[in-house]
Amino acid sequence: MAGGESFVFKQFIVKQNKCAMKVGTDAVLLGAWANLPAKGRVLDIGTGTGIIAMMTAQRSTAHIDAIEIEKDAFSQAVGNCNDCKWRDRLNIHHISFQDFAGRTTHKYDVIVSNPPYFSNSLQASSESRTTARHTCALSFEALVNGIKSLLLGHGSFATILPSKEAEEFSEIAEDNGLYPIRLTRIKTTASKAAKRVLIEFAFHRKSFSENTLVIENEDHSYTAEYKNLTRDFYLGF
């Protein structure tokens, strides 16, 4: 259930009145799709409201570190995570990813990120929205370098990007020894081009799988595959 100040999921509530970037389909898709360890440690880069961190906590018993550079979003994520049932496994950090990667002593089984991706388009009018949407605060190169230093050898990194940016990011990742092992193209309807791409990367070249997920039928009802992916979260499913 969506509202101007909050979004209600089956097992938690996301307050979002302080955040430049509200709860969106991209975050829910990534939070539901990413492969997670049964236990261990997960890092969420650019957590925003904390939604993916809380989805990760719901889906696993892992300890989750989540980082957010924008102060209002950080404050909101702390409040949301403190109010949820998995608060003891969630730790929110107000820090840039570059600084976090240089300071932390932890390594991660899984890293997830719904990252900023606009680089050549007009920047958003507010500073907080610019930070959330544009690569000026976290370039793809900096993201890949940090992931390389923090991801365990057996680990994986999952992200969601527009199709063009997904190709750009994949090239940078492969140049740095991170290889795509799973890819899902996201279409709003079957007749439209893919709008987003979910990709999972690992250090070792493994068997690669690729598929397409369609969100809506032509009559704008939700497809069975989208409901199956997100039914543990959305109230209506």
C-alpha atoms as a PDB file:
ATOM      1  CA  MET A   1       0.000   0.000   0.000  1.00  0.00           C
ATOM      2  CA  ALA A   2       1.573   3.278  -1.131  1.00  0.00           C
ATOM      3  CA  GLY A   3       1.234   6.692   0.378  1.00  0.00           C
ATOM      4  CA  GLY A   4       2.983  10.014   0.186  1.00  0.00           C
ATOM      5  CA  GLU A   5       4.910   9.406   3.386  1.00  0.00           C
ATOM      6  CA  SER A   6       5.021   5.624   3.686  1.00  0.00           C
ATOM      7  CA  PHE A   7       4.838   2.366   1.765  1.00  0.00           C
ATOM      8  CA  VAL A   8       3.362  -0.632   3.575  1.00  0.00           C
ATOM      9  CA  PHE A   9       4.711  -4.095   2.800  1.00  0.00           C
ATOM     10  CA  LYS A  10       3.579  -7.408   4.274  1.00  0.00           C
ATOM     11  CA  GLN A  11       6.210  -7.497   7.036  1.00  0.00           C
ATOM     12  CA  PHE A  12       7.533  -3.935   7.299  1.00  0.00           C
ATOM     13  CA  ILE A  13       6.721  -0.294   6.616  1.00  0.00           C
ATOM     14  CA  VAL A  14       8.950   2.093   4.663  1.00  0.00           C
ATOM     15  CA  LYS A  15       8.613   5.733   5.682  1.00  0.00           C
ATOM     16  CA  GLN A  16       9.940   7.916   2.871  1.00  0.00           C
ATOM     17  CA  ASN A  17       8.996  11.540   3.548  1.00  0.00           C
ATOM     18  CA  LYS A  18      12.655  12.568   4.051  1.00  0.00           C
ATOM     19  CA  CYS A  19      14.021  10.730   1.003  1.00  0.00           C
ATOM     20  CA  ALA A  20      14.576  12.288  -2.411  1.00  0.00           C
ATOM     21  CA  MET A  21      14.098   8.891  -4.053  1.00  0.00           C
ATOM     22  CA  LYS A  22      10.894   7.135  -3.037  1.00  0.00           C
ATOM     23  CA  VAL A  23      10.148   3.411  -3.000  1.00  0.00           C
ATOM     24  CA  GLY A  24      10.128   2.194  -6.589  1.00  0.00           C
ATOM     25  CA  THR A  25       9.796  -0.954  -8.649  1.00  0.00           C
ATOM     26  CA  ASP A  26      13.571  -1.157  -9.263  1.00  0.00           C
ATOM     27  CA  ALA A  27      14.350  -1.574  -5.564  1.00  0.00           C
ATOM     28  CA  VAL A  28      11.605  -4.161  -5.039  1.00  0.00           C
ATOM     29  CA  LEU A  29      12.747  -6.154  -8.077  1.00  0.00           C
ATOM     30  CA  LEU A  30      16.366  -6.201  -6.921  1.00  0.00           C
ATOM     31  CA  GLY A  31      15.480  -6.970  -3.314  1.00  0.00           C
ATOM     32  CA  ALA A  32      13.342  -9.932  -4.376  1.00  0.00           C
ATOM     33  CA  TRP A  33      15.628 -11.219  -7.166  1.00  0.00           C
ATOM     34  CA  ALA A  34      19.130 -11.120  -5.654  1.00  0.00           C
ATOM     35  CA  ASN A  35      20.570 -14.469  -4.584  1.00  0.00           C
ATOM     36  CA  LEU A  36      21.291 -14.328  -0.855  1.00  0.00           C
ATOM     37  CA  PRO A  37      23.336 -16.454   1.530  1.00  0.00           C
ATOM     38  CA  ALA A  38      21.452 -18.405   4.167  1.00  0.00           C
ATOM     39  CA  LYS A  39      23.742 -16.718   6.668  1.00  0.00           C
ATOM     40  CA  GLY A  40      26.890 -14.615   6.548  1.00  0.00           C
ATOM     41  CA  ARG A  41      27.152 -10.935   5.658  1.00  0.00           C
ATOM     42  CA  VAL A  42      25.470  -8.765   3.003  1.00  0.00           C
ATOM     43  CA  LEU A  43      26.284  -5.176   1.992  1.00  0.00           C
ATOM     44  CA  ASP A  44      23.651  -2.826   0.523  1.00  0.00           C
ATOM     45  CA  ILE A  45      25.268   0.149  -1.238  1.00  0.00           C
ATOM     46  CA  GLY A  46      23.136   3.309  -1.349  1.00  0.00           C
ATOM     47  CA  THR A  47      20.292   1.992   0.766  1.00  0.00           C
ATOM     48  CA  GLY A  48      18.052   5.075   0.495  1.00  0.00           C
ATOM     49  CA  THR A  49      14.978   4.317   2.610  1.00  0.00           C
ATOM     50  CA  GLY A  50      16.507   1.008   3.704  1.00  0.00           C
ATOM     51  CA  ILE A  51      14.042  -1.018   1.634  1.00  0.00           C
ATOM     52  CA  ILE A  52      16.529  -3.470   0.073  1.00  0.00           C
ATOM     53  CA  ALA A  53      18.298  -3.959   3.409  1.00  0.00           C
ATOM     54  CA  MET A  54      14.984  -4.890   5.043  1.00  0.00           C
ATOM     55  CA  MET A  55      13.978  -7.146   2.150  1.00  0.00           C
ATOM     56  CA  THR A  56      17.347  -8.876   2.507  1.00  0.00           C
ATOM     57  CA  ALA A  57      16.776  -9.332   6.231  1.00  0.00           C
ATOM     58  CA  GLN A  58      13.340 -10.822   5.556  1.00  0.00           C
ATOM     59  CA  ARG A  59      14.757 -13.289   3.018  1.00  0.00           C
ATOM     60  CA  SER A  60      17.817 -14.476   4.983  1.00  0.00           C
ATOM     61  CA  THR A  61      19.431 -14.745   8.389  1.00  0.00           C
ATOM     62  CA  ALA A  62      22.474 -12.763   7.260  1.00  0.00           C
ATOM     63  CA  HIS A  63      23.875  -9.679   8.970  1.00  0.00           C
ATOM     64  CA  ILE A  64      23.312  -6.653   6.726  1.00  0.00           C
ATOM     65  CA  ASP A  65      25.435  -3.533   6.505  1.00  0.00           C
ATOM     66  CA  ALA A  66      23.802  -0.719   4.525  1.00  0.00           C
ATOM     67  CA  ILE A  67      25.465   2.545   3.585  1.00  0.00           C
ATOM     68  CA  GLU A  68      23.922   5.875   2.593  1.00  0.00           C
ATOM     69  CA  ILE A  69      25.779   9.123   1.879  1.00  0.00           C
ATOM     70  CA  GLU A  70      22.777  11.492   1.870  1.00  0.00           C
ATOM     71  CA  LYS A  71      22.031  12.554   5.444  1.00  0.00           C
ATOM     72  CA  ASP A  72      18.229  12.729   5.280  1.00  0.00           C
ATOM     73  CA  ALA A  73      17.980   9.347   3.575  1.00  0.00           C
ATOM     74  CA  PHE A  74      20.399   7.901   6.135  1.00  0.00           C
ATOM     75  CA  SER A  75      18.232   9.207   8.969  1.00  0.00           C
ATOM     76  CA  GLN A  76      15.136   7.730   7.337  1.00  0.00           C
ATOM     77  CA  ALA A  77      16.815   4.352   6.781  1.00  0.00           C
ATOM     78  CA  VAL A  78      17.905   4.211  10.425  1.00  0.00           C
ATOM     79  CA  GLY A  79      14.338   4.894  11.563  1.00  0.00           C
ATOM     80  CA  ASN A  80      12.827   2.343   9.198  1.00  0.00           C
ATOM     81  CA  CYS A  81      15.302  -0.382  10.111  1.00  0.00           C
ATOM     82  CA  ASN A  82      14.995   0.301  13.846  1.00  0.00           C
ATOM     83  CA  ASP A  83      11.222  -0.099  13.536  1.00  0.00           C
ATOM     84  CA  CYS A  84      11.391  -3.471  11.773  1.00  0.00           C
ATOM     85  CA  LYS A  85      11.584  -6.936  13.324  1.00  0.00           C
ATOM     86  CA  TRP A  86      15.124  -7.580  12.027  1.00  0.00           C
ATOM     87  CA  ARG A  87      16.755  -4.517  13.619  1.00  0.00           C
ATOM     88  CA  ASP A  88      19.396  -6.648  15.402  1.00  0.00           C
ATOM     89  CA  ARG A  89      20.815  -7.754  12.038  1.00  0.00           C
ATOM     90  CA  LEU A  90      20.746  -4.343  10.338  1.00  0.00           C
ATOM     91  CA  ASN A  91      23.492  -1.736  10.644  1.00  0.00           C
ATOM     92  CA  ILE A  92      23.151   1.544   8.713  1.00  0.00           C
ATOM     93  CA  HIS A  93      26.265   3.645   8.016  1.00  0.00           C
ATOM     94  CA  HIS A  94      26.332   7.353   7.049  1.00  0.00           C
ATOM     95  CA  ILE A  95      29.352   7.278   4.751  1.00  0.00           C
ATOM     96  CA  SER A  96      30.329   7.234   1.095  1.00  0.00           C
ATOM     97  CA  PHE A  97      31.012   3.846  -0.441  1.00  0.00           C
ATOM     98  CA  GLN A  98      34.550   4.885  -1.261  1.00  0.00           C
ATOM     99  CA  ASP A  99      35.286   5.743   2.377  1.00  0.00           C
ATOM    100  CA  PHE A 100      33.491   2.660   3.657  1.00  0.00           C
ATOM    101  CA  ALA A 101      35.493   0.386   1.343  1.00  0.00           C
ATOM    102  CA  GLY A 102      38.712   1.933   2.638  1.00  0.00           C
ATOM    103  CA  ARG A 103      37.820   1.572   6.318  1.00  0.00           C
ATOM    104  CA  THR A 104      35.793  -1.578   6.882  1.00  0.00           C
ATOM    105  CA  THR A 105      37.470  -4.806   7.957  1.00  0.00           C
ATOM    106  CA  HIS A 106      34.544  -6.941   6.778  1.00  0.00           C
ATOM    107  CA  LYS A 107      34.227  -9.005   3.616  1.00  0.00           C
ATOM    108  CA  TYR A 108      30.842  -9.867   2.153  1.00  0.00           C
ATOM    109  CA  ASP A 109      29.140 -12.972   0.796  1.00  0.00           C
ATOM    110  CA  VAL A 110      26.777 -10.814  -1.261  1.00  0.00           C
ATOM    111  CA  ILE A 111      26.786  -7.144  -2.233  1.00  0.00           C
ATOM    112  CA  VAL A 112      23.686  -5.486  -3.690  1.00  0.00           C
ATOM    113  CA  SER A 113      23.165  -2.002  -5.068  1.00  0.00           C
ATOM    114  CA  ASN A 114      20.438  -0.023  -6.809  1.00  0.00           C
ATOM    115  CA  PRO A 115      23.061   2.519  -7.889  1.00  0.00           C
ATOM    116  CA  PRO A 116      23.022   6.027  -9.356  1.00  0.00           C
ATOM    117  CA  TYR A 117      23.298   5.750 -13.125  1.00  0.00           C
ATOM    118  CA  PHE A 118      22.646   9.086 -14.834  1.00  0.00           C
ATOM    119  CA  SER A 119      25.899  10.581 -16.098  1.00  0.00           C
ATOM    120  CA  ASN A 120      25.129  12.592 -19.245  1.00  0.00           C
ATOM    121  CA  SER A 121      21.553  13.692 -18.610  1.00  0.00           C
ATOM    122  CA  LEU A 122      20.487  16.902 -16.909  1.00  0.00           C
ATOM    123  CA  GLN A 123      21.071  16.670 -13.187  1.00  0.00           C
ATOM    124  CA  ALA A 124      18.191  16.748 -10.741  1.00  0.00           C
ATOM    125  CA  SER A 125      17.188  20.079  -9.243  1.00  0.00           C
ATOM    126  CA  SER A 126      17.900  19.165  -5.619  1.00  0.00           C
ATOM    127  CA  GLU A 127      21.291  18.122  -4.299  1.00  0.00           C
ATOM    128  CA  SER A 128      19.869  15.065  -2.513  1.00  0.00           C
ATOM    129  CA  ARG A 129      18.082  13.852  -5.651  1.00  0.00           C
ATOM    130  CA  THR A 130      21.220  14.419  -7.713  1.00  0.00           C
ATOM    131  CA  THR A 131      23.220  12.296  -5.261  1.00  0.00           C
ATOM    132  CA  ALA A 132      20.644   9.520  -5.455  1.00  0.00           C
ATOM    133  CA  ARG A 133      20.302   9.494  -9.256  1.00  0.00           C
ATOM    134  CA  HIS A 134      23.649  10.563 -10.745  1.00  0.00           C
ATOM    135  CA  THR A 135      27.068   8.935 -10.940  1.00  0.00           C
ATOM    136  CA  CYS A 136      28.839  12.142  -9.881  1.00  0.00           C
ATOM    137  CA  ALA A 137      28.917  10.832  -6.290  1.00  0.00           C
ATOM    138  CA  LEU A 138      29.698   7.203  -7.198  1.00  0.00           C
ATOM    139  CA  SER A 139      31.038   6.347 -10.640  1.00  0.00           C
ATOM    140  CA  PHE A 140      30.749   2.857 -12.058  1.00  0.00           C
ATOM    141  CA  GLU A 141      34.539   2.549 -11.830  1.00  0.00           C
ATOM    142  CA  ALA A 142      34.539   3.451  -8.127  1.00  0.00           C
ATOM    143  CA  LEU A 143      31.660   1.056  -7.494  1.00  0.00           C
ATOM    144  CA  VAL A 144      33.466  -1.841  -9.197  1.00  0.00           C
ATOM    145  CA  ASN A 145      36.752  -1.111  -7.421  1.00  0.00           C
ATOM    146  CA  GLY A 146      35.047  -1.128  -4.039  1.00  0.00           C
ATOM    147  CA  ILE A 147      33.169  -4.323  -4.788  1.00  0.00           C
ATOM    148  CA  LYS A 148      36.407  -6.045  -5.796  1.00  0.00           C
ATOM    149  CA  SER A 149      37.975  -5.200  -2.448  1.00  0.00           C
ATOM    150  CA  LEU A 150      34.981  -6.169  -0.278  1.00  0.00           C
ATOM    151  CA  LEU A 151      33.481  -9.238  -1.979  1.00  0.00           C
ATOM    152  CA  LEU A 152      34.563 -12.681  -0.822  1.00  0.00           C
ATOM    153  CA  GLY A 153      35.997 -14.991  -3.473  1.00  0.00           C
ATOM    154  CA  HIS A 154      32.844 -17.119  -3.570  1.00  0.00           C
ATOM    155  CA  GLY A 155      30.553 -14.095  -3.353  1.00  0.00           C
ATOM    156  CA  SER A 156      28.291 -12.327  -5.811  1.00  0.00           C
ATOM    157  CA  PHE A 157      27.179  -8.790  -6.636  1.00  0.00           C
ATOM    158  CA  ALA A 158      23.646  -7.999  -7.828  1.00  0.00           C
ATOM    159  CA  THR A 159      22.392  -4.761  -9.344  1.00  0.00           C
ATOM    160  CA  ILE A 160      19.639  -3.245 -11.507  1.00  0.00           C
ATOM    161  CA  LEU A 161      20.297  -0.726 -14.285  1.00  0.00           C
ATOM    162  CA  PRO A 162      18.717   0.644 -17.471  1.00  0.00           C
ATOM    163  CA  SER A 163      19.713  -1.404 -20.529  1.00  0.00           C
ATOM    164  CA  LYS A 164      22.328   1.001 -21.899  1.00  0.00           C
ATOM    165  CA  GLU A 165      23.960   1.574 -18.512  1.00  0.00           C
ATOM    166  CA  ALA A 166      23.897  -2.174 -17.837  1.00  0.00           C
ATOM    167  CA  GLU A 167      26.075  -2.736 -20.907  1.00  0.00           C
ATOM    168  CA  GLU A 168      28.478   0.000 -19.809  1.00  0.00           C
ATOM    169  CA  PHE A 169      28.700  -1.335 -16.267  1.00  0.00           C
ATOM    170  CA  SER A 170      29.206  -4.923 -17.457  1.00  0.00           C
ATOM    171  CA  GLU A 171      32.162  -3.878 -19.616  1.00  0.00           C
ATOM    172  CA  ILE A 172      33.810  -2.130 -16.667  1.00  0.00           C
ATOM    173  CA  ALA A 173      33.096  -5.087 -14.383  1.00  0.00           C
ATOM    174  CA  GLU A 174      34.538  -7.648 -16.812  1.00  0.00           C
ATOM    175  CA  ASP A 175      37.643  -5.518 -17.318  1.00  0.00           C
ATOM    176  CA  ASN A 176      38.112  -5.813 -13.547  1.00  0.00           C
ATOM    177  CA  GLY A 177      37.511  -9.558 -13.237  1.00  0.00           C
ATOM    178  CA  LEU A 178      33.792  -9.535 -12.335  1.00  0.00           C
ATOM    179  CA  TYR A 179      31.732 -11.605 -14.748  1.00  0.00           C
ATOM    180  CA  PRO A 180      27.963 -11.749 -15.314  1.00  0.00           C
ATOM    181  CA  ILE A 181      26.491 -15.112 -14.305  1.00  0.00           C
ATOM    182  CA  ARG A 182      22.753 -14.326 -14.315  1.00  0.00           C
ATOM    183  CA  LEU A 183      20.704 -11.696 -16.152  1.00  0.00           C
ATOM    184  CA  THR A 184      16.997 -10.852 -16.213  1.00  0.00           C
ATOM    185  CA  ARG A 185      15.630  -8.274 -18.629  1.00  0.00           C
ATOM    186  CA  ILE A 186      12.632  -6.377 -17.251  1.00  0.00           C
ATOM    187  CA  LYS A 187       9.803  -5.357 -19.567  1.00  0.00           C
ATOM    188  CA  THR A 188       6.779  -3.297 -18.520  1.00  0.00           C
ATOM    189  CA  THR A 189       4.691  -5.263 -21.039  1.00  0.00           C
ATOM    190  CA  ALA A 190       5.683  -7.997 -23.481  1.00  0.00           C
ATOM    191  CA  SER A 191       5.384  -5.682 -26.493  1.00  0.00           C
ATOM    192  CA  LYS A 192       7.782  -3.078 -25.107  1.00  0.00           C
ATOM    193  CA  ALA A 193      11.567  -3.064 -25.080  1.00  0.00           C
ATOM    194  CA  ALA A 194      13.350  -4.043 -21.879  1.00  0.00           C
ATOM    195  CA  LYS A 195      13.386  -1.077 -19.497  1.00  0.00           C
ATOM    196  CA  ARG A 196      15.743  -2.440 -16.837  1.00  0.00           C
ATOM    197  CA  VAL A 197      18.267  -5.243 -16.469  1.00  0.00           C
ATOM    198  CA  LEU A 198      18.967  -7.222 -13.307  1.00  0.00           C
ATOM    199  CA  ILE A 199      22.514  -8.651 -13.325  1.00  0.00           C
ATOM    200  CA  GLU A 200      24.438 -10.874 -10.944  1.00  0.00           C
ATOM    201  CA  PHE A 201      28.260 -10.883 -11.107  1.00  0.00           C
ATOM    202  CA  ALA A 202      30.938 -13.178  -9.661  1.00  0.00           C
ATOM    203  CA  PHE A 203      34.729 -13.436  -9.765  1.00  0.00           C
ATOM    204  CA  HIS A 204      34.646 -16.734 -11.633  1.00  0.00           C
ATOM    205  CA  ARG A 205      33.142 -17.376 -15.034  1.00  0.00           C
ATOM    206  CA  LYS A 206      30.257 -19.760 -14.411  1.00  0.00           C
ATOM    207  CA  SER A 207      27.387 -21.047 -16.487  1.00  0.00           C
ATOM    208  CA  PHE A 208      25.438 -17.990 -17.600  1.00  0.00           C
ATOM    209  CA  SER A 209      21.630 -17.810 -17.491  1.00  0.00           C
ATOM    210  CA  GLU A 210      19.430 -15.157 -19.076  1.00  0.00           C
ATOM    211  CA  ASN A 211      15.677 -14.612 -19.106  1.00  0.00           C
ATOM    212  CA  THR A 212      12.996 -11.924 -19.388  1.00  0.00           C
ATOM    213  CA  LEU A 213      10.419 -10.898 -16.801  1.00  0.00           C
ATOM    214  CA  VAL A 214       7.294  -9.012 -17.879  1.00  0.00           C
ATOM    215  CA  ILE A 215       5.602  -6.915 -15.179  1.00  0.00           C
ATOM    216  CA  GLU A 216       2.164  -6.288 -16.722  1.00  0.00           C
ATOM    217  CA  ASN A 217      -0.164  -8.052 -19.117  1.00  0.00           C
ATOM    218  CA  GLU A 218      -1.580  -6.009 -21.981  1.00  0.00           C
ATOM    219  CA  ASP A 219      -4.682  -5.276 -19.884  1.00  0.00           C
ATOM    220  CA  HIS A 220      -2.340  -3.794 -17.192  1.00  0.00           C
ATOM    221  CA  SER A 221      -2.960  -6.595 -14.706  1.00  0.00           C
ATOM    222  CA  TYR A 222       0.210  -7.977 -13.157  1.00  0.00           C
ATOM    223  CA  THR A 223       1.738 -11.101 -14.674  1.00  0.00           C
ATOM    224  CA  ALA A 224       1.979 -14.342 -12.716  1.00  0.00           C
ATOM    225  CA  GLU A 225       5.789 -14.244 -12.867  1.00  0.00           C
ATOM    226  CA  TYR A 226       5.939 -10.753 -11.362  1.00  0.00           C
ATOM    227  CA  LYS A 227       3.507 -11.748  -8.621  1.00  0.00           C
ATOM    228  CA  ASN A 228       5.530 -14.874  -7.872  1.00  0.00           C
ATOM    229  CA  LEU A 229       8.739 -12.862  -7.523  1.00  0.00           C
ATOM    230  CA  THR A 230       7.295 -10.173  -5.258  1.00  0.00           C
ATOM    231  CA  ARG A 231       4.426 -11.886  -3.427  1.00  0.00           C
ATOM    232  CA  ASP A 232       6.329 -12.095  -0.121  1.00  0.00           C
ATOM    233  CA  PHE A 233       6.374  -8.298  -0.029  1.00  0.00           C
ATOM    234  CA  TYR A 234       3.441  -6.619  -1.795  1.00  0.00           C
ATOM    235  CA  LEU A 235       0.164  -6.625   0.130  1.00  0.00           C
ATOM    236  CA  GLY A 236      -1.958  -7.113  -2.990  1.00  0.00           C
ATOM    237  CA  PHE A 237      -0.170 -10.325  -3.996  1.00  0.00           C
END
